[in-house]
C-alpha atoms as a PDB file:
ATOM      1  CA  MET A   1     -86.563   0.419   9.457  1.00  0.00           C
ATOM      2  CA  LEU A   2     -86.927   1.733   5.891  1.00  0.00           C
ATOM      3  CA  GLU A   3     -88.169   5.048   7.267  1.00  0.00           C
ATOM      4  CA  LEU A   4     -85.134   5.322   9.567  1.00  0.00           C
ATOM      5  CA  ILE A   5     -82.728   4.559   6.700  1.00  0.00           C
ATOM      6  CA  THR A   6     -84.407   7.094   4.391  1.00  0.00           C
ATOM      7  CA  VAL A   7     -84.376   9.829   7.024  1.00  0.00           C
ATOM      8  CA  THR A   8     -80.764   9.112   7.978  1.00  0.00           C
ATOM      9  CA  ILE A   9     -79.628   9.277   4.330  1.00  0.00           C
ATOM     10  CA  PHE A  10     -81.363  12.651   3.969  1.00  0.00           C
ATOM     11  CA  MET A  11     -79.572  13.908   7.083  1.00  0.00           C
ATOM     12  CA  LEU A  12     -76.174  12.690   5.872  1.00  0.00           C
ATOM     13  CA  LEU A  13     -76.612  14.299   2.451  1.00  0.00           C
ATOM     14  CA  ALA A  14     -77.731  17.573   4.061  1.00  0.00           C
ATOM     15  CA  ALA A  15     -74.730  17.514   6.401  1.00  0.00           C
ATOM     16  CA  MET A  16     -72.163  16.651   3.728  1.00  0.00           C
ATOM     17  CA  ALA A  17     -73.373  19.133   1.103  1.00  0.00           C
ATOM     18  CA  PRO A  18     -70.689  21.820   0.573  1.00  0.00           C
ATOM     19  CA  GLY A  19     -71.682  25.157   2.019  1.00  0.00           C
ATOM     20  CA  ALA A  20     -70.699  27.891   4.439  1.00  0.00           C
ATOM     21  CA  ASP A  21     -70.450  25.473   7.403  1.00  0.00           C
ATOM     22  CA  PHE A  22     -68.136  23.207   5.427  1.00  0.00           C
ATOM     23  CA  ALA A  23     -65.926  26.104   4.368  1.00  0.00           C
ATOM     24  CA  LEU A  24     -65.700  27.430   7.934  1.00  0.00           C
ATOM     25  CA  VAL A  25     -64.806  24.068   9.511  1.00  0.00           C
ATOM     26  CA  VAL A  26     -62.154  23.360   6.873  1.00  0.00           C
ATOM     27  CA  ARG A  27     -60.738  26.877   7.241  1.00  0.00           C
ATOM     28  CA  ASN A  28     -60.456  26.610  11.026  1.00  0.00           C
ATOM     29  CA  SER A  29     -58.998  23.114  10.727  1.00  0.00           C
ATOM     30  CA  LEU A  30     -56.222  24.509   8.551  1.00  0.00           C
ATOM     31  CA  LEU A  31     -55.570  27.648  10.577  1.00  0.00           C
ATOM     32  CA  TYR A  32     -55.973  26.437  14.145  1.00  0.00           C
ATOM     33  CA  SER A  33     -55.639  23.432  16.420  1.00  0.00           C
ATOM     34  CA  ARG A  34     -57.767  20.293  16.420  1.00  0.00           C
ATOM     35  CA  ARG A  35     -59.489  21.571  19.570  1.00  0.00           C
ATOM     36  CA  SER A  36     -60.556  24.792  17.869  1.00  0.00           C
ATOM     37  CA  ALA A  37     -61.648  22.940  14.723  1.00  0.00           C
ATOM     38  CA  CYS A  38     -63.745  20.488  16.757  1.00  0.00           C
ATOM     39  CA  PHE A  39     -65.353  23.277  18.782  1.00  0.00           C
ATOM     40  CA  THR A  40     -66.232  25.002  15.501  1.00  0.00           C
ATOM     41  CA  ALA A  41     -67.907  21.764  14.391  1.00  0.00           C
ATOM     42  CA  ILE A  42     -69.719  21.466  17.727  1.00  0.00           C
ATOM     43  CA  GLY A  43     -70.940  25.040  17.260  1.00  0.00           C
ATOM     44  CA  VAL A  44     -72.395  24.060  13.884  1.00  0.00           C
ATOM     45  CA  GLY A  45     -74.175  21.160  15.586  1.00  0.00           C
ATOM     46  CA  ALA A  46     -75.478  23.507  18.284  1.00  0.00           C
ATOM     47  CA  GLY A  47     -76.910  25.705  15.541  1.00  0.00           C
ATOM     48  CA  GLN A  48     -78.853  22.672  14.342  1.00  0.00           C
ATOM     49  CA  SER A  49     -80.415  22.381  17.784  1.00  0.00           C
ATOM     50  CA  ILE A  50     -81.851  25.883  17.373  1.00  0.00           C
ATOM     51  CA  HIS A  51     -83.339  24.979  13.979  1.00  0.00           C
ATOM     52  CA  THR A  52     -84.720  21.740  15.400  1.00  0.00           C
ATOM     53  CA  THR A  53     -86.335  23.528  18.345  1.00  0.00           C
ATOM     54  CA  TYR A  54     -88.283  26.085  16.318  1.00  0.00           C
ATOM     55  CA  SER A  55     -89.193  23.418  13.737  1.00  0.00           C
ATOM     56  CA  VAL A  56     -90.675  21.116  16.374  1.00  0.00           C
ATOM     57  CA  LEU A  57     -92.584  24.105  17.769  1.00  0.00           C
ATOM     58  CA  GLY A  58     -94.006  24.735  14.285  1.00  0.00           C
ATOM     59  CA  LEU A  59     -92.251  28.066  13.698  1.00  0.00           C
ATOM     60  CA  THR A  60     -90.362  27.043  10.542  1.00  0.00           C
ATOM     61  CA  VAL A  61     -93.035  28.221   8.123  1.00  0.00           C
ATOM     62  CA  LEU A  62     -93.405  31.487  10.058  1.00  0.00           C
ATOM     63  CA  ILE A  63     -89.706  32.276   9.598  1.00  0.00           C
ATOM     64  CA  SER A  64     -89.720  31.391   5.912  1.00  0.00           C
ATOM     65  CA  LYS A  65     -92.913  33.383   5.251  1.00  0.00           C
ATOM     66  CA  SER A  66     -92.094  36.475   7.305  1.00  0.00           C
ATOM     67  CA  LEU A  67     -90.395  39.001   5.039  1.00  0.00           C
ATOM     68  CA  MET A  68     -88.958  40.971   7.966  1.00  0.00           C
ATOM     69  CA  LEU A  69     -87.536  37.937   9.807  1.00  0.00           C
ATOM     70  CA  PHE A  70     -86.176  36.447   6.614  1.00  0.00           C
ATOM     71  CA  THR A  71     -84.528  39.725   5.585  1.00  0.00           C
ATOM     72  CA  ILE A  72     -82.927  40.284   9.003  1.00  0.00           C
ATOM     73  CA  VAL A  73     -81.493  36.767   9.155  1.00  0.00           C
ATOM     74  CA  LYS A  74     -80.398  36.973   5.524  1.00  0.00           C
ATOM     75  CA  TYR A  75     -78.407  40.200   5.814  1.00  0.00           C
ATOM     76  CA  VAL A  76     -76.894  39.472   9.218  1.00  0.00           C
ATOM     77  CA  GLY A  77     -75.824  36.033   8.023  1.00  0.00           C
ATOM     78  CA  ALA A  78     -74.455  37.436   4.767  1.00  0.00           C
ATOM     79  CA  ALA A  79     -72.501  40.143   6.608  1.00  0.00           C
ATOM     80  CA  TYR A  80     -70.973  37.600   8.984  1.00  0.00           C
ATOM     81  CA  LEU A  81     -69.903  35.284   6.157  1.00  0.00           C
ATOM     82  CA  CYS A  82     -68.396  38.201   4.237  1.00  0.00           C
ATOM     83  CA  TYR A  83     -66.542  39.260   7.391  1.00  0.00           C
ATOM     84  CA  LEU A  84     -65.025  35.775   7.839  1.00  0.00           C
ATOM     85  CA  GLY A  85     -64.247  35.557   4.144  1.00  0.00           C
ATOM     86  CA  ILE A  86     -62.441  38.905   4.053  1.00  0.00           C
ATOM     87  CA  ARG A  87     -60.459  37.963   7.177  1.00  0.00           C
ATOM     88  CA  SER A  88     -59.313  34.767   5.462  1.00  0.00           C
ATOM     89  CA  LEU A  89     -58.387  36.598   2.266  1.00  0.00           C
ATOM     90  CA  MET A  90     -56.330  39.122   4.238  1.00  0.00           C
ATOM     91  CA  ALA A  91     -54.651  36.492   6.420  1.00  0.00           C
ATOM     92  CA  GLY A  92     -50.888  36.548   6.220  1.00  0.00           C
ATOM     93  CA  GLY A  93     -48.427  33.907   7.264  1.00  0.00           C
ATOM     94  CA  GLY A  94     -46.138  31.551   5.453  1.00  0.00           C
ATOM     95  CA  PRO A  95     -47.130  28.717   3.153  1.00  0.00           C
ATOM     96  CA  HIS A  96     -46.572  25.905   5.663  1.00  0.00           C
ATOM     97  CA  ALA A  97     -48.896  24.910   8.496  1.00  0.00           C
ATOM     98  CA  THR A  98     -45.869  23.922  10.574  1.00  0.00           C
ATOM     99  CA  GLU A  99     -44.819  27.556  10.648  1.00  0.00           C
ATOM    100  CA  ILE A 100     -47.928  28.496  12.616  1.00  0.00           C
ATOM    101  CA  LYS A 101     -47.411  28.413  16.368  1.00  0.00           C
ATOM    102  CA  PRO A 102     -50.665  27.341  18.044  1.00  0.00           C
ATOM    103  CA  ALA A 103     -49.856  29.237  21.242  1.00  0.00           C
ATOM    104  CA  GLU A 104     -49.737  32.489  19.279  1.00  0.00           C
ATOM    105  CA  LYS A 105     -52.251  31.858  16.529  1.00  0.00           C
ATOM    106  CA  ASP A 106     -54.905  29.591  18.026  1.00  0.00           C
ATOM    107  CA  ILE A 107     -58.307  30.919  19.087  1.00  0.00           C
ATOM    108  CA  SER A 108     -60.223  30.009  22.228  1.00  0.00           C
ATOM    109  CA  ALA A 109     -62.698  27.141  22.342  1.00  0.00           C
ATOM    110  CA  PHE A 110     -65.519  29.633  22.923  1.00  0.00           C
ATOM    111  CA  ALA A 111     -64.521  31.775  19.938  1.00  0.00           C
ATOM    112  CA  ALA A 112     -64.386  28.695  17.703  1.00  0.00           C
ATOM    113  CA  PHE A 113     -67.743  27.459  19.026  1.00  0.00           C
ATOM    114  CA  LYS A 114     -69.288  30.895  18.495  1.00  0.00           C
ATOM    115  CA  GLN A 115     -68.128  31.021  14.872  1.00  0.00           C
ATOM    116  CA  GLY A 116     -69.720  27.650  14.111  1.00  0.00           C
ATOM    117  CA  LEU A 117     -72.913  28.527  15.978  1.00  0.00           C
ATOM    118  CA  ILE A 118     -73.408  31.900  14.285  1.00  0.00           C
ATOM    119  CA  CYS A 119     -72.510  30.589  10.837  1.00  0.00           C
ATOM    120  CA  ASN A 120     -75.099  27.806  11.047  1.00  0.00           C
ATOM    121  CA  THR A 121     -77.831  29.714  12.877  1.00  0.00           C
ATOM    122  CA  LEU A 122     -77.819  32.720  10.550  1.00  0.00           C
ATOM    123  CA  ASN A 123     -78.207  30.690   7.378  1.00  0.00           C
ATOM    124  CA  PRO A 124     -81.729  31.418   6.061  1.00  0.00           C
ATOM    125  CA  LYS A 125     -81.560  28.296   3.904  1.00  0.00           C
ATOM    126  CA  ALA A 126     -81.721  26.164   7.048  1.00  0.00           C
ATOM    127  CA  PRO A 127     -85.459  26.771   7.665  1.00  0.00           C
ATOM    128  CA  LEU A 128     -86.125  25.628   4.087  1.00  0.00           C
ATOM    129  CA  ILE A 129     -84.194  22.403   4.706  1.00  0.00           C
ATOM    130  CA  TYR A 130     -86.170  21.814   7.873  1.00  0.00           C
ATOM    131  CA  ILE A 131     -89.454  22.517   6.076  1.00  0.00           C
ATOM    132  CA  ALA A 132     -88.543  19.800   3.589  1.00  0.00           C
ATOM    133  CA  PHE A 133     -87.407  17.517   6.398  1.00  0.00           C
ATOM    134  CA  TYR A 134     -90.492  17.824   8.600  1.00  0.00           C
ATOM    135  CA  SER A 135     -93.086  18.094   5.823  1.00  0.00           C
ATOM    136  CA  ALA A 136     -91.782  15.810   3.087  1.00  0.00           C
ATOM    137  CA  VAL A 137     -89.196  13.427   4.546  1.00  0.00           C
ATOM    138  CA  LEU A 138     -90.877  12.503   7.821  1.00  0.00           C
ATOM    139  CA  PRO A 139     -94.248  10.691   7.647  1.00  0.00           C
ATOM    140  CA  PRO A 140     -97.219  13.070   8.127  1.00  0.00           C
ATOM    141  CA  ASP A 141     -98.627  11.077  11.046  1.00  0.00           C
ATOM    142  CA  ILE A 142     -95.423  11.109  13.093  1.00  0.00           C
ATOM    143  CA  SER A 143     -95.841  11.997  16.779  1.00  0.00           C
ATOM    144  CA  GLN A 144     -94.317  15.040  18.456  1.00  0.00           C
ATOM    145  CA  LEU A 145     -91.925  12.722  20.290  1.00  0.00           C
ATOM    146  CA  GLY A 146     -90.875  11.216  16.970  1.00  0.00           C
ATOM    147  CA  LYS A 147     -90.157  14.695  15.587  1.00  0.00           C
ATOM    148  CA  ILE A 148     -88.006  15.473  18.608  1.00  0.00           C
ATOM    149  CA  LEU A 149     -86.072  12.193  18.354  1.00  0.00           C
ATOM    150  CA  TYR A 150     -85.408  12.654  14.632  1.00  0.00           C
ATOM    151  CA  GLY A 151     -84.391  16.243  15.356  1.00  0.00           C
ATOM    152  CA  LEU A 152     -81.864  14.994  17.912  1.00  0.00           C
ATOM    153  CA  GLU A 153     -80.555  12.524  15.340  1.00  0.00           C
ATOM    154  CA  PHE A 154     -80.166  15.386  12.851  1.00  0.00           C
ATOM    155  CA  ILE A 155     -78.140  17.361  15.405  1.00  0.00           C
ATOM    156  CA  LEU A 156     -75.877  14.396  16.157  1.00  0.00           C
ATOM    157  CA  ILE A 157     -75.318  13.533  12.495  1.00  0.00           C
ATOM    158  CA  VAL A 158     -74.489  17.104  11.441  1.00  0.00           C
ATOM    159  CA  GLY A 159     -72.288  17.759  14.470  1.00  0.00           C
ATOM    160  CA  GLY A 160     -70.672  14.325  14.204  1.00  0.00           C
ATOM    161  CA  TRP A 161     -69.914  14.762  10.505  1.00  0.00           C
ATOM    162  CA  PHE A 162     -68.169  18.087  11.037  1.00  0.00           C
ATOM    163  CA  VAL A 163     -66.224  16.815  14.067  1.00  0.00           C
ATOM    164  CA  PHE A 164     -65.104  13.868  11.919  1.00  0.00           C
ATOM    165  CA  LEU A 165     -64.122  16.253   9.120  1.00  0.00           C
ATOM    166  CA  ALA A 166     -62.179  18.431  11.571  1.00  0.00           C
ATOM    167  CA  CYS A 167     -60.334  15.405  12.978  1.00  0.00           C
ATOM    168  CA  ILE A 168     -59.404  14.165   9.493  1.00  0.00           C
ATOM    169  CA  ILE A 169     -58.060  17.528   8.326  1.00  0.00           C
ATOM    170  CA  THR A 170     -56.159  18.194  11.555  1.00  0.00           C
ATOM    171  CA  HIS A 171     -54.492  14.763  11.485  1.00  0.00           C
ATOM    172  CA  PRO A 172     -50.736  15.501  11.401  1.00  0.00           C
ATOM    173  CA  THR A 173     -50.180  13.661   8.109  1.00  0.00           C
ATOM    174  CA  VAL A 174     -53.126  15.270   6.340  1.00  0.00           C
ATOM    175  CA  LYS A 175     -52.396  18.701   7.747  1.00  0.00           C
ATOM    176  CA  ASN A 176     -48.736  18.413   6.763  1.00  0.00           C
ATOM    177  CA  VAL A 177     -49.737  17.659   3.159  1.00  0.00           C
ATOM    178  CA  LEU A 178     -52.339  20.432   3.075  1.00  0.00           C
ATOM    179  CA  GLY A 179     -49.891  22.734   4.849  1.00  0.00           C
ATOM    180  CA  ARG A 180     -47.808  22.955   1.692  1.00  0.00           C
ATOM    181  CA  VAL A 181     -50.651  24.855   0.057  1.00  0.00           C
ATOM    182  CA  GLN A 182     -52.275  26.164   3.237  1.00  0.00           C
ATOM    183  CA  ARG A 183     -52.092  29.821   2.274  1.00  0.00           C
ATOM    184  CA  ILE A 184     -53.754  29.114  -1.076  1.00  0.00           C
ATOM    185  CA  LEU A 185     -56.417  26.916   0.532  1.00  0.00           C
ATOM    186  CA  THR A 186     -57.139  29.464   3.258  1.00  0.00           C
ATOM    187  CA  LYS A 187     -57.660  32.215   0.708  1.00  0.00           C
ATOM    188  CA  ALA A 188     -59.731  29.899  -1.492  1.00  0.00           C
ATOM    189  CA  LEU A 189     -61.970  29.051   1.463  1.00  0.00           C
ATOM    190  CA  GLY A 190     -62.153  32.754   2.333  1.00  0.00           C
ATOM    191  CA  GLY A 191     -63.245  33.447  -1.217  1.00  0.00           C
ATOM    192  CA  MET A 192     -65.822  30.672  -0.907  1.00  0.00           C
ATOM    193  CA  MET A 193     -67.277  32.184   2.271  1.00  0.00           C
ATOM    194  CA  LEU A 194     -67.303  35.631   0.668  1.00  0.00           C
ATOM    195  CA  TYR A 195     -69.128  34.126  -2.316  1.00  0.00           C
ATOM    196  CA  PHE A 196     -71.693  32.444  -0.066  1.00  0.00           C
ATOM    197  CA  GLY A 197     -72.152  35.712   1.813  1.00  0.00           C
ATOM    198  CA  ILE A 198     -72.764  37.757  -1.343  1.00  0.00           C
ATOM    199  CA  ARG A 199     -74.990  35.051  -2.791  1.00  0.00           C
ATOM    200  CA  LEU A 200     -76.924  34.930   0.463  1.00  0.00           C
ATOM    201  CA  ALA A 201     -77.501  38.680   0.397  1.00  0.00           C
ATOM    202  CA  PHE A 202     -79.248  38.396  -2.969  1.00  0.00           C
ATOM    203  CA  ILE A 203     -81.275  35.264  -2.256  1.00  0.00           C
ATOM    204  CA  GLU A 204     -85.031  35.712  -2.716  1.00  0.00           C
ATOM    205  CA  GLN A 205     -87.483  34.711  -0.035  1.00  0.00           C
END
């Protein structure tokens, strides 16, 4: 039981730590509908499934040690974050969320899912988190089945946290309050993603 609690706390802290995924989910929650925000969150969770799969297969260290793989993932991920950040900074519109018409401004569920998936998958810091998770957090004698089950829990916790965050922000009352400063928040989150993208481009292996 203590092991389960310890592992779960690690997962929650990893999920809740501010980062590119957080900025993207909050941004889409402010700009689009609850459906789009939730599909963005589900995309982030789906990205976790990719990290879990290669970690269980023992490929985590290979990715972190391979200069070519690390560099490719780093620059593609950085470019994508910078692209989203610049789009947010250049976004127009009025200051109130109520002025945005979902039928005209919303994005498709697939587009939202794809944004979350790409943002999470192309983060080269993720393999490092999974190295720590599978080598330091989990007991060394854990079975392959145990690794898979904890990996599934990680996916559910990360995806669940971001879906919860999306639902909170897109609640009419919360969104109405945030809508008063939506334009400022959107640009601030765009700046945050641009910052993460630039920082990512200069991260050392």
